[in-house]
Amino acid sequence: MGTFKNQNDLDVTASSQTSVDELDKFGTALLGFSNKVDCIVALADKDLECPLAQAYAAQFFASAETKQGVKKAKQYLERANNLSKYATPREQAIIKSSNHWCQTERRAAAQVLEQVLDENPSDIVSSKWAQSLHFDTGNAAGILRAPLKVAEACDDNAYLHGMLAFGYEECHLLNEAEASVNRALSIQRDEPWAHHAMAHISEARHNLDGGIKFMLDVSDTWQNLSSFMTTHNWWHVCLFLVDLNRGDEALAYFDKIVWAVNQDCVQDQINAISLLYRLERIGVDVGNRWQNLAEKVILNCQDQVSVFLDFQFLYALARANHKEADNMMQRMIARHETVSQDEKMAWELVALPAAPGIIALANGDWQKAIDQLSIARPFLQCIGGSHAQRELVALFYIDALRGASQWEKVQQILSLRYRARPQVSWIKNQLRDAYDHLGLSQVVDF
């Protein structure tokens, strides 16, 4: 065991420089959402003297956001903890963060990594993990702050600018976000997180046609990405298509890519669930796809690792009329009693009221859905995800209002949306429908 330098001039404890070089390769794979990111597992199993390899392997498995993933993570975390006394202060802090993460204390884990960045402003891998954790907890400022802490030292790294772009966008700083996208692509055209950020920027600016064109123009670079990054970027393409009433094209991408890469990945599952919901609500016949989704969701429906994942899993089960839906709802309701304080807000303020609301929505009990979702809506950001992903709950709420014939509220919500996004077909169609029900069809001029 010795101390060696990595490519960012940081000290790393390992058995050899070769292991440190392999760690650098893992870092590049992580930053670039490569489908080779699991290389960290082989390295951790090979170099039992490298505490950072063990910690990164634990983080890799914990990031899968499944109970099985956390179980695997703890095996590597035990090794990391045993090696901690030989580790550098930076490595010890990363191990500490990993312990928090494996206890589903994501906010605490992110806070420790931010301290690492303060003391090691070239540690871009810790910045990436910190951004991911802030994303999972809905901390938009943290999503931006994490890459800013390494911005000076890593200015020539395309992945840094992709991270900055997404952080700026989540903070609604769209000009800065686009500048970061352009900087990333000037260094490296195939930077998928920058592509992803540009999809968000285009949506925020209501530039649907431009968003599709940009994403399709760079989609040739998505061949060797993780299943999440591949399907998620195509998911964004499909959102543009849905808003332009090109549902048949979006359904084709659903079958060809969004739900065709890795059906066991929970992130792929929620891409599929939220897209299928959007397709169905604009009148696309989705056939038996809900039943197919439910068969996969059922494998993780007892995990209760993430509210953000669970409320989408729950809808898929309920929509497929799966008998497990009510059991999952009860587990979600009960989870707030045992969850760590770090995660309590998400489970108590969102899962507790929203779970029965989502079941009600799927069953057509519109008023109950409205009542329950109304309680949860003000606190949605704490469950994590992006603006675009949390938009699904807003659609749930609008559809419940329409089902309950609360046309006055529908008109108020959709009028504001139409003013901002007049090119979105479903908004125009549903707003016209609301005016018709209110006896005001004569005032519609679109």
Protein backbone atom coordinates (compact mmCIF):
# COMPACT_ATOMS: atom_id res chain seq x y z
CA MET A 1 0.00 0.00 0.00
CA GLY A 2 1.25 3.46 -0.91
CA THR A 3 0.20 6.96 -1.89
CA PHE A 4 0.10 7.94 -5.56
CA LYS A 5 -1.09 10.91 -7.62
CA ASN A 6 -4.20 10.81 -9.82
CA GLN A 7 -4.72 12.83 -13.01
CA ASN A 8 -6.01 15.78 -10.96
CA ASP A 9 -2.89 15.78 -8.76
CA LEU A 10 -4.77 14.39 -5.75
CA ASP A 11 -3.27 11.82 -3.39
CA VAL A 12 -4.76 8.33 -3.65
CA THR A 13 -4.04 5.35 -1.40
CA ALA A 14 -3.65 2.15 -3.41
CA SER A 15 -1.46 -0.85 -4.06
CA SER A 16 0.01 0.67 -7.22
CA GLN A 17 -0.10 3.54 -9.70
CA THR A 18 -1.91 1.16 -12.04
CA SER A 19 -4.89 1.09 -9.67
CA VAL A 20 -4.92 4.89 -9.54
CA ASP A 21 -4.91 5.05 -13.32
CA GLU A 22 -7.86 2.64 -13.31
CA LEU A 23 -9.63 4.92 -10.83
CA ASP A 24 -9.12 7.80 -13.26
CA LYS A 25 -10.71 5.72 -16.02
CA PHE A 26 -13.68 5.07 -13.74
CA GLY A 27 -13.97 8.81 -13.05
CA THR A 28 -14.11 9.55 -16.77
CA ALA A 29 -16.73 6.83 -17.25
CA LEU A 30 -18.82 8.24 -14.39
CA LEU A 31 -18.64 11.81 -15.66
CA GLY A 32 -19.46 10.73 -19.19
CA PHE A 33 -22.30 8.32 -18.27
CA SER A 34 -20.43 5.50 -19.99
CA ASN A 35 -21.84 1.98 -20.04
CA LYS A 36 -18.43 0.91 -18.70
CA VAL A 37 -18.90 2.66 -15.35
CA ASP A 38 -19.23 -0.69 -13.59
CA CYS A 39 -15.46 -1.11 -14.06
CA ILE A 40 -15.17 0.22 -10.51
CA VAL A 41 -16.49 -3.07 -9.15
CA ALA A 42 -13.71 -5.11 -10.75
CA LEU A 43 -11.10 -2.64 -9.49
CA ALA A 44 -12.49 -2.72 -5.94
CA ASP A 45 -12.40 -6.51 -5.96
CA LYS A 46 -8.85 -6.54 -7.33
CA ASP A 47 -7.19 -3.87 -5.19
CA LEU A 48 -8.22 -4.54 -1.61
CA GLU A 49 -5.72 -1.93 -0.42
CA CYS A 50 -7.47 1.00 -2.18
CA PRO A 51 -10.04 2.62 0.14
CA LEU A 52 -11.28 4.96 -2.58
CA ALA A 53 -12.05 2.09 -4.93
CA GLN A 54 -14.16 0.50 -2.18
CA ALA A 55 -15.96 3.79 -1.45
CA TYR A 56 -16.64 4.47 -5.13
CA ALA A 57 -18.00 0.93 -5.57
CA ALA A 58 -20.31 1.53 -2.61
CA GLN A 59 -21.48 4.80 -4.17
CA PHE A 60 -21.96 3.09 -7.53
CA PHE A 61 -24.29 0.49 -6.03
CA ALA A 62 -26.08 3.00 -3.78
CA SER A 63 -26.78 5.20 -6.80
CA ALA A 64 -28.89 2.38 -8.29
CA GLU A 65 -31.57 3.44 -5.75
CA THR A 66 -32.77 -0.05 -4.94
CA LYS A 67 -32.73 -2.02 -1.71
CA GLN A 68 -30.56 -4.65 -3.41
CA GLY A 69 -28.18 -1.92 -4.55
CA VAL A 70 -27.83 -0.59 -1.01
CA LYS A 71 -27.20 -4.14 0.24
CA LYS A 72 -24.35 -4.57 -2.26
CA ALA A 73 -23.04 -1.10 -1.45
CA LYS A 74 -22.69 -1.98 2.22
CA GLN A 75 -20.39 -4.90 1.37
CA TYR A 76 -17.91 -2.52 -0.24
CA LEU A 77 -18.50 0.12 2.40
CA GLU A 78 -17.40 -2.35 5.07
CA ARG A 79 -14.11 -2.77 3.23
CA ALA A 80 -13.75 1.01 2.90
CA ASN A 81 -14.39 1.51 6.61
CA ASN A 82 -11.76 -1.09 7.48
CA LEU A 83 -9.23 0.75 5.29
CA SER A 84 -10.16 4.21 6.52
CA LYS A 85 -7.30 4.40 9.03
CA TYR A 86 -4.82 4.11 6.16
CA ALA A 87 -6.61 6.67 3.98
CA THR A 88 -5.90 10.33 3.34
CA PRO A 89 -8.24 12.93 4.93
CA ARG A 90 -9.99 13.36 1.56
CA GLU A 91 -10.54 9.65 1.24
CA GLN A 92 -11.77 9.40 4.83
CA ALA A 93 -14.32 12.12 4.13
CA ILE A 94 -15.52 10.33 0.97
CA ILE A 95 -15.93 7.14 3.00
CA LYS A 96 -17.90 9.12 5.59
CA SER A 97 -20.16 10.44 2.82
CA SER A 98 -20.65 6.89 1.55
CA ASN A 99 -21.78 5.79 5.00
CA HIS A 100 -24.43 8.52 5.03
CA TRP A 101 -25.52 7.57 1.52
CA CYS A 102 -25.98 3.92 2.42
CA GLN A 103 -28.18 5.00 5.33
CA THR A 104 -30.29 7.00 2.80
CA GLU A 105 -29.02 10.20 4.40
CA ARG A 106 -28.43 11.89 1.06
CA ARG A 107 -28.38 15.46 2.32
CA ALA A 108 -25.74 14.62 4.89
CA ALA A 109 -23.74 12.72 2.27
CA ALA A 110 -23.80 15.73 -0.06
CA GLN A 111 -22.77 18.09 2.73
CA VAL A 112 -19.67 16.01 3.48
CA LEU A 113 -18.71 16.00 -0.21
CA GLU A 114 -19.10 19.77 -0.37
CA GLN A 115 -16.51 20.01 2.41
CA VAL A 116 -14.25 17.74 0.37
CA LEU A 117 -14.58 20.13 -2.55
CA ASP A 118 -13.74 23.14 -0.40
CA GLU A 119 -10.44 21.50 0.52
CA ASN A 120 -9.80 19.75 -2.84
CA PRO A 121 -11.05 22.04 -5.62
CA SER A 122 -9.90 19.72 -8.40
CA ASP A 123 -11.90 16.68 -7.19
CA ILE A 124 -14.37 16.59 -10.06
CA VAL A 125 -15.52 13.05 -9.23
CA SER A 126 -16.68 14.19 -5.78
CA SER A 127 -18.35 17.13 -7.49
CA LYS A 128 -20.25 14.73 -9.74
CA TRP A 129 -21.40 12.59 -6.81
CA ALA A 130 -22.40 15.72 -4.88
CA GLN A 131 -24.43 17.04 -7.81
CA SER A 132 -26.19 13.68 -8.09
CA LEU A 133 -27.06 13.70 -4.39
CA HIS A 134 -28.34 17.28 -4.56
CA PHE A 135 -30.44 16.25 -7.56
CA ASP A 136 -31.93 13.39 -5.56
CA THR A 137 -32.96 15.78 -2.78
CA GLY A 138 -34.24 18.63 -4.95
CA ASN A 139 -31.50 21.05 -3.92
CA ALA A 140 -31.22 23.23 -7.04
CA ALA A 141 -28.62 25.54 -5.49
CA GLY A 142 -26.49 22.53 -4.58
CA ILE A 143 -26.78 21.15 -8.11
CA LEU A 144 -25.04 24.31 -9.29
CA ARG A 145 -22.75 24.90 -6.32
CA ALA A 146 -21.04 21.49 -6.54
CA PRO A 147 -19.53 22.02 -10.03
CA LEU A 148 -18.80 25.69 -9.34
CA LYS A 149 -16.42 24.59 -6.59
CA VAL A 150 -14.21 22.83 -9.13
CA ALA A 151 -14.83 25.19 -12.05
CA GLU A 152 -11.48 26.98 -11.96
CA ALA A 153 -9.33 23.88 -11.58
CA CYS A 154 -11.28 21.86 -14.18
CA ASP A 155 -12.08 24.56 -16.73
CA ASP A 156 -10.69 22.51 -19.61
CA ASN A 157 -12.94 19.53 -18.80
CA ALA A 158 -16.08 19.24 -20.94
CA TYR A 159 -17.89 17.26 -18.25
CA LEU A 160 -17.45 20.14 -15.81
CA HIS A 161 -19.27 22.48 -18.17
CA GLY A 162 -22.06 19.96 -18.71
CA MET A 163 -22.52 19.82 -14.95
CA LEU A 164 -22.52 23.62 -14.77
CA ALA A 165 -25.08 23.82 -17.57
CA PHE A 166 -27.51 21.58 -15.73
CA GLY A 167 -26.94 23.44 -12.47
CA TYR A 168 -27.59 26.81 -14.07
CA GLU A 169 -30.75 25.50 -15.74
CA GLU A 170 -32.17 24.08 -12.52
CA CYS A 171 -31.61 27.54 -10.99
CA HIS A 172 -33.43 29.12 -13.99
CA LEU A 173 -30.27 30.87 -15.21
CA LEU A 174 -30.84 29.95 -18.83
CA ASN A 175 -28.32 32.23 -20.52
CA GLU A 176 -25.54 30.96 -18.29
CA ALA A 177 -26.73 27.41 -18.86
CA GLU A 178 -26.58 27.74 -22.64
CA ALA A 179 -23.13 29.32 -22.46
CA SER A 180 -21.94 26.32 -20.45
CA VAL A 181 -23.45 23.91 -22.98
CA ASN A 182 -21.60 25.69 -25.77
CA ARG A 183 -18.36 25.61 -23.80
CA ALA A 184 -18.76 21.89 -23.14
CA LEU A 185 -19.44 21.08 -26.78
CA SER A 186 -16.54 23.23 -27.96
CA ILE A 187 -14.28 20.88 -25.99
CA GLN A 188 -16.10 17.61 -26.62
CA ARG A 189 -19.12 17.18 -28.89
CA ASP A 190 -20.22 13.92 -27.27
CA GLU A 191 -20.85 15.32 -23.76
CA PRO A 192 -24.25 13.78 -22.91
CA TRP A 193 -24.98 15.78 -19.75
CA ALA A 194 -24.56 18.98 -21.77
CA HIS A 195 -26.97 17.56 -24.36
CA HIS A 196 -29.37 16.79 -21.53
CA ALA A 197 -29.04 20.33 -20.16
CA MET A 198 -29.80 21.77 -23.60
CA ALA A 199 -33.01 19.75 -23.73
CA HIS A 200 -34.02 21.36 -20.43
CA ILE A 201 -33.06 24.81 -21.70
CA SER A 202 -35.07 24.35 -24.90
CA GLU A 203 -38.09 23.23 -22.91
CA ALA A 204 -37.78 26.16 -20.51
CA ARG A 205 -37.63 28.54 -23.48
CA HIS A 206 -40.54 26.73 -25.15
CA ASN A 207 -38.35 26.02 -28.18
CA LEU A 208 -39.81 22.64 -29.07
CA ASP A 209 -38.67 22.39 -32.67
CA GLY A 210 -35.21 23.65 -31.80
CA GLY A 211 -34.98 21.20 -28.94
CA ILE A 212 -35.82 18.23 -31.14
CA LYS A 213 -33.38 19.35 -33.83
CA PHE A 214 -30.53 19.81 -31.35
CA MET A 215 -31.09 16.45 -29.66
CA LEU A 216 -31.41 14.53 -32.91
CA ASP A 217 -28.29 16.21 -34.29
CA VAL A 218 -26.20 14.89 -31.37
CA SER A 219 -28.02 11.57 -30.84
CA ASP A 220 -25.39 9.69 -32.85
CA THR A 221 -23.07 10.09 -29.84
CA TRP A 222 -25.37 8.22 -27.43
CA GLN A 223 -24.43 4.72 -28.51
CA ASN A 224 -22.17 3.72 -25.61
CA LEU A 225 -23.83 5.47 -22.71
CA SER A 226 -25.43 3.99 -19.61
CA SER A 227 -28.99 2.86 -20.15
CA PHE A 228 -30.24 5.76 -18.02
CA MET A 229 -28.46 8.42 -20.05
CA THR A 230 -29.43 6.87 -23.38
CA THR A 231 -33.10 6.46 -22.51
CA HIS A 232 -33.34 9.75 -20.64
CA ASN A 233 -32.03 11.83 -23.53
CA TRP A 234 -34.46 10.07 -25.86
CA TRP A 235 -37.18 10.65 -23.24
CA HIS A 236 -36.56 14.37 -23.65
CA VAL A 237 -36.92 14.03 -27.41
CA CYS A 238 -40.24 12.31 -26.81
CA LEU A 239 -41.47 15.10 -24.51
CA PHE A 240 -40.99 17.56 -27.34
CA LEU A 241 -42.90 15.23 -29.69
CA VAL A 242 -45.77 14.86 -27.21
CA ASP A 243 -46.10 18.62 -26.86
CA LEU A 244 -46.20 18.93 -30.66
CA ASN A 245 -48.94 16.27 -30.83
CA ARG A 246 -46.64 13.81 -32.56
CA GLY A 247 -47.60 11.02 -30.22
CA ASP A 248 -47.21 8.18 -32.70
CA GLU A 249 -43.56 9.11 -33.24
CA ALA A 250 -43.00 9.29 -29.47
CA LEU A 251 -44.62 5.87 -29.01
CA ALA A 252 -42.30 4.44 -31.65
CA TYR A 253 -39.29 5.78 -29.72
CA PHE A 254 -40.82 4.35 -26.53
CA ASP A 255 -40.80 0.87 -28.05
CA LYS A 256 -37.50 1.20 -29.88
CA ILE A 257 -35.38 2.90 -27.21
CA VAL A 258 -36.97 4.33 -24.06
CA TRP A 259 -38.30 0.96 -22.92
CA ALA A 260 -35.90 -1.27 -24.82
CA VAL A 261 -32.45 -0.83 -23.27
CA ASN A 262 -32.51 -2.06 -19.65
CA GLN A 263 -35.95 -2.74 -18.23
CA ASP A 264 -34.45 -3.68 -14.87
CA CYS A 265 -32.98 -0.20 -14.31
CA VAL A 266 -35.28 1.87 -12.10
CA GLN A 267 -34.36 5.09 -13.89
CA ASP A 268 -35.32 3.52 -17.22
CA GLN A 269 -38.58 2.41 -15.62
CA ILE A 270 -39.56 5.92 -14.55
CA ASN A 271 -38.64 7.31 -17.98
CA ALA A 272 -41.07 4.78 -19.43
CA ILE A 273 -43.82 5.39 -16.87
CA SER A 274 -43.88 9.16 -17.20
CA LEU A 275 -43.71 9.00 -21.00
CA LEU A 276 -46.49 6.43 -21.21
CA TYR A 277 -48.69 8.61 -19.01
CA ARG A 278 -48.08 11.62 -21.22
CA LEU A 279 -48.86 9.62 -24.35
CA GLU A 280 -52.07 8.20 -22.96
CA ARG A 281 -53.37 11.61 -21.85
CA ILE A 282 -53.05 13.02 -25.39
CA GLY A 283 -55.10 10.14 -26.77
CA VAL A 284 -52.46 7.62 -27.87
CA ASP A 285 -53.55 4.00 -27.53
CA VAL A 286 -50.79 2.37 -25.47
CA GLY A 287 -52.21 -1.13 -25.60
CA ASN A 288 -50.97 -3.49 -22.89
CA ARG A 289 -47.80 -1.53 -22.12
CA TRP A 290 -48.91 -0.70 -18.56
CA GLN A 291 -49.10 -4.39 -17.78
CA ASN A 292 -45.62 -4.91 -19.19
CA LEU A 293 -44.25 -2.05 -17.08
CA ALA A 294 -45.93 -3.35 -13.95
CA GLU A 295 -44.18 -6.71 -14.34
CA LYS A 296 -40.83 -4.91 -13.95
CA VAL A 297 -41.90 -2.37 -11.34
CA ILE A 298 -43.17 -5.11 -9.06
CA LEU A 299 -39.57 -6.28 -8.50
CA ASN A 300 -38.65 -3.06 -6.66
CA CYS A 301 -42.00 -1.91 -5.31
CA GLN A 302 -41.07 -2.99 -1.78
CA ASP A 303 -37.81 -1.03 -1.65
CA GLN A 304 -39.07 2.40 -0.52
CA VAL A 305 -35.65 3.93 -1.19
CA SER A 306 -36.95 7.05 -2.96
CA VAL A 307 -40.29 8.88 -2.91
CA PHE A 308 -39.51 10.20 -6.38
CA LEU A 309 -39.29 6.68 -7.76
CA ASP A 310 -42.10 5.27 -5.65
CA PHE A 311 -44.89 7.61 -6.67
CA GLN A 312 -44.26 6.69 -10.32
CA PHE A 313 -44.00 2.98 -9.56
CA LEU A 314 -47.25 3.21 -7.62
CA TYR A 315 -49.10 4.82 -10.50
CA ALA A 316 -47.87 2.14 -12.92
CA LEU A 317 -49.10 -0.65 -10.65
CA ALA A 318 -52.45 1.03 -10.06
CA ARG A 319 -52.94 1.83 -13.75
CA ALA A 320 -52.25 -1.82 -14.58
CA ASN A 321 -54.81 -2.86 -11.93
CA HIS A 322 -52.10 -4.82 -10.16
CA LYS A 323 -53.12 -6.24 -6.79
CA GLU A 324 -49.83 -5.07 -5.27
CA ALA A 325 -50.72 -1.37 -5.69
CA ASP A 326 -52.64 -1.06 -2.40
CA ASN A 327 -49.90 -2.89 -0.49
CA MET A 328 -47.29 -0.55 -1.90
CA MET A 329 -49.40 2.46 -0.94
CA GLN A 330 -49.55 1.24 2.66
CA ARG A 331 -45.78 0.72 2.76
CA MET A 332 -45.22 4.25 1.44
CA ILE A 333 -47.55 5.68 4.09
CA ALA A 334 -45.81 3.74 6.86
CA ARG A 335 -42.30 4.55 5.69
CA HIS A 336 -42.28 8.04 7.24
CA GLU A 337 -42.32 6.45 10.70
CA THR A 338 -38.96 4.69 10.24
CA VAL A 339 -37.04 6.84 7.78
CA SER A 340 -34.02 8.87 8.89
CA GLN A 341 -34.55 12.50 9.83
CA ASP A 342 -32.58 13.42 6.72
CA GLU A 343 -35.31 11.98 4.48
CA LYS A 344 -38.34 12.52 6.71
CA MET A 345 -39.72 15.57 4.92
CA ALA A 346 -40.06 13.74 1.60
CA TRP A 347 -41.86 10.76 3.11
CA GLU A 348 -44.05 12.69 5.55
CA LEU A 349 -45.03 15.73 3.46
CA VAL A 350 -45.18 14.09 0.04
CA ALA A 351 -45.47 10.30 0.17
CA LEU A 352 -47.95 10.23 3.04
CA PRO A 353 -50.64 12.33 1.28
CA ALA A 354 -49.70 11.64 -2.34
CA ALA A 355 -49.75 7.83 -2.25
CA PRO A 356 -53.52 7.51 -1.75
CA GLY A 357 -53.98 10.37 -4.21
CA ILE A 358 -52.12 8.49 -6.92
CA ILE A 359 -54.18 5.36 -6.34
CA ALA A 360 -57.32 7.50 -6.51
CA LEU A 361 -56.17 9.07 -9.78
CA ALA A 362 -55.58 5.70 -11.41
CA ASN A 363 -59.01 4.51 -10.20
CA GLY A 364 -60.86 7.61 -11.37
CA ASP A 365 -61.67 8.87 -7.87
CA TRP A 366 -61.03 12.42 -9.00
CA GLN A 367 -61.95 14.40 -5.89
CA LYS A 368 -59.84 12.26 -3.60
CA ALA A 369 -56.94 12.59 -6.03
CA ILE A 370 -57.33 16.37 -5.99
CA ASP A 371 -57.52 16.56 -2.22
CA GLN A 372 -54.49 14.35 -1.60
CA LEU A 373 -52.28 15.76 -4.34
CA SER A 374 -53.09 19.31 -3.21
CA ILE A 375 -51.52 18.56 0.17
CA ALA A 376 -48.31 17.23 -1.38
CA ARG A 377 -47.80 19.69 -4.25
CA PRO A 378 -46.17 22.54 -2.27
CA PHE A 379 -43.41 20.21 -1.07
CA LEU A 380 -42.64 18.29 -4.26
CA GLN A 381 -39.16 19.69 -4.76
CA CYS A 382 -37.84 17.88 -1.69
CA ILE A 383 -38.33 14.49 -3.38
CA GLY A 384 -35.71 15.31 -6.01
CA GLY A 385 -35.74 15.01 -9.77
CA SER A 386 -35.71 17.84 -12.28
CA HIS A 387 -38.37 20.40 -13.15
CA ALA A 388 -39.32 18.28 -16.18
CA GLN A 389 -39.65 15.11 -14.13
CA ARG A 390 -41.70 16.66 -11.32
CA GLU A 391 -44.00 18.11 -13.99
CA LEU A 392 -45.67 14.69 -14.02
CA VAL A 393 -47.43 15.51 -10.73
CA ALA A 394 -48.74 18.76 -12.19
CA LEU A 395 -50.23 16.73 -15.03
CA PHE A 396 -51.75 14.33 -12.49
CA TYR A 397 -53.40 17.29 -10.80
CA ILE A 398 -54.70 18.86 -14.02
CA ASP A 399 -56.16 15.54 -15.14
CA ALA A 400 -57.85 15.02 -11.78
CA LEU A 401 -59.43 18.47 -12.05
CA ARG A 402 -60.65 17.67 -15.56
CA GLY A 403 -62.03 14.34 -14.40
CA ALA A 404 -63.92 16.10 -11.59
CA SER A 405 -65.28 18.72 -14.04
CA GLN A 406 -63.67 21.55 -12.08
CA TRP A 407 -63.46 23.59 -15.25
CA GLU A 408 -62.92 26.95 -13.60
CA LYS A 409 -59.67 25.74 -12.05
CA VAL A 410 -58.67 24.00 -15.27
CA GLN A 411 -59.20 27.21 -17.22
CA GLN A 412 -57.11 29.23 -14.78
CA ILE A 413 -54.19 26.79 -14.81
CA LEU A 414 -54.18 26.17 -18.55
CA SER A 415 -54.63 29.83 -19.50
CA LEU A 416 -51.35 30.65 -17.79
CA ARG A 417 -49.68 27.70 -19.47
CA TYR A 418 -51.05 28.69 -22.86
CA ARG A 419 -49.70 32.21 -22.46
CA ALA A 420 -46.23 30.78 -21.86
CA ARG A 421 -46.40 27.87 -24.32
CA PRO A 422 -48.95 28.61 -27.07
CA GLN A 423 -47.41 26.03 -29.42
CA VAL A 424 -48.18 23.05 -27.15
CA SER A 425 -51.06 21.16 -28.73
CA TRP A 426 -52.47 19.45 -25.65
CA ILE A 427 -52.65 22.73 -23.74
CA LYS A 428 -54.66 24.34 -26.54
CA ASN A 429 -56.95 21.34 -26.86
CA GLN A 430 -57.65 21.03 -23.14
CA LEU A 431 -58.08 24.79 -22.70
CA ARG A 432 -60.56 24.86 -25.56
CA ASP A 433 -62.40 22.00 -23.88
CA ALA A 434 -62.53 23.94 -20.61
CA TYR A 435 -63.98 27.02 -22.32
CA ASP A 436 -66.60 24.84 -24.00
CA HIS A 437 -67.70 23.41 -20.65
CA LEU A 438 -67.83 26.89 -19.15
CA GLY A 439 -70.09 28.16 -21.94
CA LEU A 440 -67.36 30.45 -23.24
CA SER A 441 -66.44 28.81 -26.53
CA GLN A 442 -67.06 32.12 -28.30
CA VAL A 443 -64.03 33.72 -26.63
CA VAL A 444 -61.57 31.14 -27.91
CA ASP A 445 -59.52 32.51 -30.81
CA PHE A 446 -56.98 29.72 -31.32
